Protein backbone atom coordinates (compact mmCIF):
# COMPACT_ATOMS: atom_id res chain seq x y z
CA MET A 1 24.62 -14.69 12.47
CA ARG A 2 25.59 -11.90 14.91
CA LYS A 3 25.90 -9.52 11.88
CA THR A 4 22.39 -10.62 10.78
CA ILE A 5 20.84 -9.82 14.18
CA LEU A 6 22.63 -6.50 14.43
CA PHE A 7 21.37 -5.62 10.86
CA LEU A 8 17.79 -6.49 11.60
CA THR A 9 17.93 -4.77 15.05
CA ILE A 10 19.13 -1.51 13.57
CA ALA A 11 16.51 -1.85 10.77
CA MET A 12 13.64 -2.35 13.27
CA ALA A 13 14.64 0.51 15.56
CA PRO A 14 13.13 3.36 13.58
CA LEU A 15 10.03 1.39 12.87
CA ALA A 16 9.38 0.94 16.55
CA GLY A 17 9.71 4.73 17.04
CA PHE A 18 6.98 5.40 14.28
CA ALA A 19 4.56 2.75 15.44
CA GLN A 20 3.19 4.36 18.58
CA ASP A 21 -0.27 5.60 17.69
CA ASP A 22 -3.02 3.56 19.21
CA GLY A 23 -5.29 4.60 16.37
CA ASP A 24 -3.22 2.92 13.76
CA ASP A 25 -4.69 0.04 11.73
CA PHE A 26 -3.31 -3.46 11.24
CA GLY A 27 -3.40 -5.71 8.07
CA THR A 28 -1.84 -8.43 6.18
CA GLU A 29 -0.55 -8.96 2.68
CA LEU A 30 -0.21 -12.28 0.83
CA SER A 31 1.30 -12.54 -2.55
CA LEU A 32 2.28 -15.14 -5.16
CA GLU A 33 4.64 -14.25 -8.16
CA ALA A 34 6.03 -16.18 -10.96
CA VAL A 35 9.06 -14.86 -12.93
CA LYS A 36 10.36 -16.17 -16.31
CA LYS A 37 13.85 -15.25 -17.54
CA ILE A 38 13.77 -15.00 -21.30
CA ASP A 39 17.56 -14.28 -21.82
CA LYS A 40 20.29 -12.75 -19.80
CA LYS A 41 18.61 -9.32 -20.02
CA PHE A 42 14.83 -9.74 -20.49
CA THR A 43 12.36 -11.08 -17.91
CA VAL A 44 8.49 -11.32 -17.62
CA GLY A 45 6.38 -11.97 -14.52
CA VAL A 46 2.87 -12.33 -13.12
CA GLU A 47 1.76 -11.68 -9.63
CA ALA A 48 -1.38 -11.89 -7.53
CA GLU A 49 -2.01 -10.33 -4.13
CA MET A 50 -4.58 -10.13 -1.26
CA ARG A 51 -4.66 -7.48 1.40
CA THR A 52 -6.65 -7.07 4.59
CA ARG A 53 -7.32 -4.09 6.88
CA ASP A 54 -9.42 -3.17 9.96
CA ASP A 55 -7.25 -5.34 12.17
CA VAL A 56 -7.52 -8.20 9.65
CA LYS A 57 -11.32 -8.22 9.75
CA THR A 58 -11.90 -6.83 6.30
CA VAL A 59 -10.56 -7.92 3.04
CA ASP A 60 -9.02 -4.62 1.49
CA ARG A 61 -8.32 -5.71 -2.02
CA TRP A 62 -7.41 -8.35 -4.63
CA SER A 63 -5.00 -7.65 -7.38
CA ALA A 64 -3.33 -9.28 -10.44
CA GLY A 65 -0.53 -7.97 -12.56
CA LEU A 66 1.87 -8.40 -15.37
CA SER A 67 5.35 -6.98 -15.62
CA VAL A 68 8.45 -6.95 -17.87
CA GLY A 69 12.01 -6.11 -17.05
CA TYR A 70 15.04 -5.31 -19.08
CA LYS A 71 18.74 -5.05 -17.77
CA LEU A 72 20.03 -1.92 -19.52
CA LEU A 73 23.48 -2.09 -17.77
CA PRO A 74 24.96 -4.44 -15.21
CA TRP A 75 23.85 -2.01 -12.44
CA LEU A 76 20.67 -0.55 -14.12
CA LYS A 77 17.34 -2.23 -14.83
CA ALA A 78 14.17 -0.79 -16.40
CA SER A 79 10.73 -2.42 -15.93
CA ALA A 80 6.98 -1.75 -16.77
CA GLY A 81 3.77 -3.18 -15.67
CA TYR A 82 0.03 -3.21 -15.30
CA THR A 83 -2.06 -4.21 -12.34
CA PHE A 84 -5.81 -4.78 -12.06
CA LEU A 85 -7.06 -3.82 -8.55
CA TYR A 86 -10.41 -4.93 -7.10
CA ASP A 87 -11.09 -2.64 -4.01
CA ASN A 88 -13.16 -2.80 -1.00
CA ASN A 89 -14.04 0.97 -0.83
CA GLU A 90 -15.23 2.89 2.12
CA ARG A 91 -16.08 6.47 0.99
CA ILE A 92 -16.95 8.96 3.72
CA SER A 93 -18.01 12.53 3.28
CA TYR A 94 -17.77 15.10 5.95
CA PHE A 95 -19.77 18.34 6.95
CA ASP A 96 -18.11 21.56 5.73
CA GLU A 97 -18.86 25.12 6.54
CA ASP A 98 -21.69 25.57 3.94
CA ASP A 99 -23.87 22.78 5.28
CA GLY A 100 -27.04 23.93 6.87
CA LYS A 101 -26.72 21.76 9.93
CA VAL A 102 -23.34 23.35 10.58
CA GLN A 103 -24.75 26.85 10.32
CA LYS A 104 -27.57 25.85 12.72
CA GLY A 105 -25.08 24.57 15.23
CA ARG A 106 -26.15 20.97 15.04
CA VAL A 107 -22.98 19.45 13.78
CA ASN A 108 -19.39 20.54 13.53
CA VAL A 109 -17.22 20.93 10.49
CA GLY A 110 -15.46 17.60 9.92
CA ASP A 111 -18.21 15.42 11.41
CA PRO A 112 -19.04 12.46 9.23
CA LYS A 113 -22.01 13.13 6.87
CA LYS A 114 -22.56 10.17 4.46
CA CYS A 115 -20.79 6.86 3.77
CA ALA A 116 -20.79 4.27 1.06
CA GLU A 117 -19.24 0.92 1.03
CA TYR A 118 -18.75 -1.01 -2.40
CA TRP A 119 -16.28 -3.08 -4.39
CA GLY A 120 -14.85 -1.34 -7.39
CA VAL A 121 -11.96 -1.59 -9.85
CA ARG A 122 -8.87 0.40 -10.59
CA HIS A 123 -6.28 0.17 -13.37
CA ARG A 124 -2.69 0.73 -12.57
CA PHE A 125 0.33 1.36 -14.92
CA ASN A 126 3.87 1.82 -13.88
CA VAL A 127 7.43 2.43 -15.28
CA SER A 128 10.48 2.06 -13.22
CA LEU A 129 14.33 2.45 -13.20
CA THR A 130 16.36 0.55 -10.58
CA GLY A 131 20.05 1.14 -9.86
CA SER A 132 21.98 -1.17 -7.69
CA TRP A 133 25.47 -1.23 -6.05
CA LYS A 134 27.29 -4.00 -4.22
CA ILE A 135 29.52 -3.47 -1.37
CA ASN A 136 30.90 -6.78 -0.35
CA ARG A 137 27.79 -8.74 0.98
CA LEU A 138 25.65 -5.57 1.10
CA GLU A 139 23.59 -4.46 -1.89
CA LEU A 140 22.05 -1.07 -2.14
CA SER A 141 19.41 -0.13 -4.67
CA LEU A 142 17.42 2.89 -5.59
CA ARG A 143 14.12 2.50 -7.54
CA GLU A 144 12.27 5.34 -9.02
CA ARG A 145 8.72 4.48 -10.17
CA TRP A 146 6.14 6.48 -12.11
CA GLN A 147 2.75 5.09 -11.33
CA TYR A 148 -0.58 6.07 -12.88
CA THR A 149 -3.89 4.73 -11.37
CA TYR A 150 -7.30 5.29 -12.91
CA ARG A 151 -10.57 4.66 -11.03
CA PRO A 152 -13.62 4.44 -13.29
CA GLU A 153 -16.85 6.14 -12.59
CA TYR A 154 -19.10 4.10 -10.19
CA THR A 155 -22.74 4.69 -9.03
CA VAL A 156 -24.06 3.42 -5.60
CA ASP A 157 -27.75 2.82 -4.93
CA GLN A 158 -27.69 4.78 -1.74
CA ARG A 159 -25.47 5.99 0.99
CA TRP A 160 -25.69 5.80 4.88
CA SER A 161 -26.68 9.16 6.04
CA TYR A 162 -25.57 10.38 9.56
CA CYS A 163 -28.01 12.47 11.68
CA TYR A 164 -27.09 14.37 14.66
CA VAL A 165 -29.53 14.00 17.71
CA TRP A 166 -29.58 17.13 19.88
CA ASN A 167 -31.36 17.45 23.24
CA ASP A 168 -30.61 18.32 26.91
CA GLU A 169 -29.27 14.84 27.73
CA LEU A 170 -28.04 13.27 24.62
CA GLN A 171 -25.74 14.10 21.81
CA ALA A 172 -25.08 11.12 19.56
CA TYR A 173 -25.04 9.98 15.93
CA GLU A 174 -27.86 8.15 14.47
CA GLY A 175 -28.60 7.52 10.83
CA GLY A 176 -30.32 5.59 7.98
CA TRP A 177 -30.05 5.08 4.32
CA ASP A 178 -30.74 8.04 2.12
CA GLY A 179 -32.35 6.09 -0.70
CA GLU A 180 -30.69 8.25 -3.31
CA GLU A 181 -28.23 7.14 -6.03
CA HIS A 182 -24.81 8.75 -5.91
CA THR A 183 -22.16 8.69 -8.74
CA TYR A 184 -18.40 8.84 -7.90
CA ARG A 185 -16.67 10.34 -10.99
CA GLY A 186 -13.73 8.74 -12.79
CA LYS A 187 -10.39 9.80 -11.44
CA GLY A 188 -6.84 9.36 -12.46
CA LYS A 189 -3.85 9.89 -10.16
CA ASN A 190 -0.04 10.21 -10.94
CA VAL A 191 2.41 9.16 -8.13
CA LEU A 192 6.14 9.07 -8.02
CA ARG A 193 7.49 6.30 -5.71
CA SER A 194 11.04 6.45 -4.46
CA ARG A 195 12.46 3.47 -2.76
CA LEU A 196 15.80 2.95 -1.12
CA MET A 197 16.69 -0.60 -0.24
CA GLY A 198 19.58 -2.41 1.55
CA GLU A 199 20.05 -6.22 1.33
CA TYR A 200 22.61 -8.30 3.10
CA LYS A 201 23.85 -11.68 1.75
CA LEU A 202 24.45 -14.12 4.44
CA SER A 203 27.16 -16.80 4.40
CA GLY A 204 26.11 -20.38 4.51
CA ILE A 205 22.46 -19.46 5.09
CA PRO A 206 19.87 -19.34 2.28
CA ALA A 207 18.27 -16.25 3.80
CA THR A 208 18.67 -12.42 2.68
CA PRO A 209 17.45 -9.99 5.26
CA TYR A 210 16.64 -6.39 3.93
CA VAL A 211 15.26 -3.01 4.87
CA SER A 212 13.70 -0.38 2.79
CA VAL A 213 12.10 3.13 2.95
CA GLU A 214 9.70 4.18 0.13
CA ALA A 215 8.22 7.76 -0.28
CA PHE A 216 4.98 8.37 -2.31
CA ASN A 217 4.90 11.89 -3.85
CA ALA A 218 1.83 13.37 -5.81
CA TRP A 219 2.84 17.04 -5.76
CA ASN A 220 3.44 16.66 -2.17
CA LEU A 221 4.62 13.82 0.16
CA GLU A 222 1.52 11.58 0.76
CA LYS A 223 2.90 8.61 2.67
CA ILE A 224 6.16 6.71 3.56
CA ARG A 225 6.54 3.08 3.96
CA PHE A 226 9.17 1.52 6.32
CA THR A 227 9.90 -2.26 5.77
CA ALA A 228 12.02 -4.87 7.29
CA GLY A 229 12.12 -8.54 6.31
CA ALA A 230 13.86 -11.51 4.85
CA ASP A 231 13.71 -13.70 1.70
CA TRP A 232 14.33 -17.40 2.19
CA LYS A 233 15.60 -19.55 -0.67
CA ILE A 234 14.07 -22.93 -0.70
CA ASN A 235 15.83 -24.12 -3.77
CA LYS A 236 16.92 -22.79 -7.19
CA LYS A 237 13.28 -22.10 -8.29
CA ASN A 238 11.31 -21.36 -5.07
CA SER A 239 11.73 -18.78 -2.36
CA MET A 240 9.51 -17.25 0.44
CA GLY A 241 9.51 -13.90 2.14
CA LEU A 242 8.30 -12.55 5.45
CA TYR A 243 8.24 -8.82 6.33
CA TYR A 244 6.98 -6.18 8.60
CA ARG A 245 5.92 -2.77 7.34
CA TYR A 246 4.84 0.45 8.93
CA GLN A 247 2.90 2.82 6.64
CA ARG A 248 2.81 6.39 7.83
CA VAL A 249 0.26 8.68 5.96
CA ASP A 250 0.93 12.37 5.74
CA ASN A 251 -1.55 13.76 3.17
CA ASP A 252 -3.21 10.85 1.21
CA SER A 253 -6.22 11.80 -0.87
CA ASP A 254 -7.59 8.34 -0.57
CA ASN A 255 -7.74 8.63 3.27
CA GLU A 256 -5.70 5.64 4.04
CA PRO A 257 -4.75 5.34 7.81
CA ASN A 258 -1.42 4.73 9.35
CA ARG A 259 -1.06 0.92 9.20
CA HIS A 260 1.07 -1.80 10.49
CA VAL A 261 1.35 -4.69 8.09
CA VAL A 262 2.79 -8.26 8.17
CA GLY A 263 3.32 -9.77 4.67
CA LEU A 264 4.09 -13.15 3.40
CA SER A 265 5.18 -13.86 -0.23
CA TYR A 266 6.04 -16.79 -2.43
CA LYS A 267 8.19 -16.48 -5.66
CA LEU A 268 8.60 -19.04 -8.33
CA LYS A 269 11.28 -18.82 -11.07
CA LEU A 270 10.14 -20.68 -14.23
């Protein structure tokens, strides 16, 4: 037990160092997964997930996915999957140097310009290779995943338009709906996700603590996820997991914020 406490303490230390920004968001993740082992090498699975954001006040997305896995070697596994994503989007545009209001000095470059909120779909495909190595009770794994996500074209009826009020006493944002349709073009995105994980098998306790770090690269480093948690084996077919994650965003085109996440998972082996 002392080894477990030490393992989790070391794992949580770097997370605490990154999680200092008061502007960070907080959210939750809830997931259900069912896995069927076809034979010694081949598995299939289904998964459903719900995420929240804005300090748990807003449902961020629902998703459902299918996956297959195949053990190429005792230490190497290949997998592929598809996920249907139903997102709660908040798309904000910002004033740039060519806008007339900027040129007249009424707003600054980077001030919010127009905003649209809507539910939309995305289609995500992935292919992965995972290598794992055991050192006594410690298991290390490295997963390299190529991920392609496509967001279909979507048209909103109107957007919220920000207006800047300027007088001798007041400088403030006011606004109203612009009453004009706007189309967001279809968009595809390729990402390479690299995850390094360490798991520790406890003796006499059906719990497996773990830590991981995952980097998202799309021609440049977009974000990093640091995770620490534990999986609890209820019986041979059922297990639950609890984890804390800190997501640090460096250059994400989807404008995600830095975020603290608490996640709960349930897994069923069929």
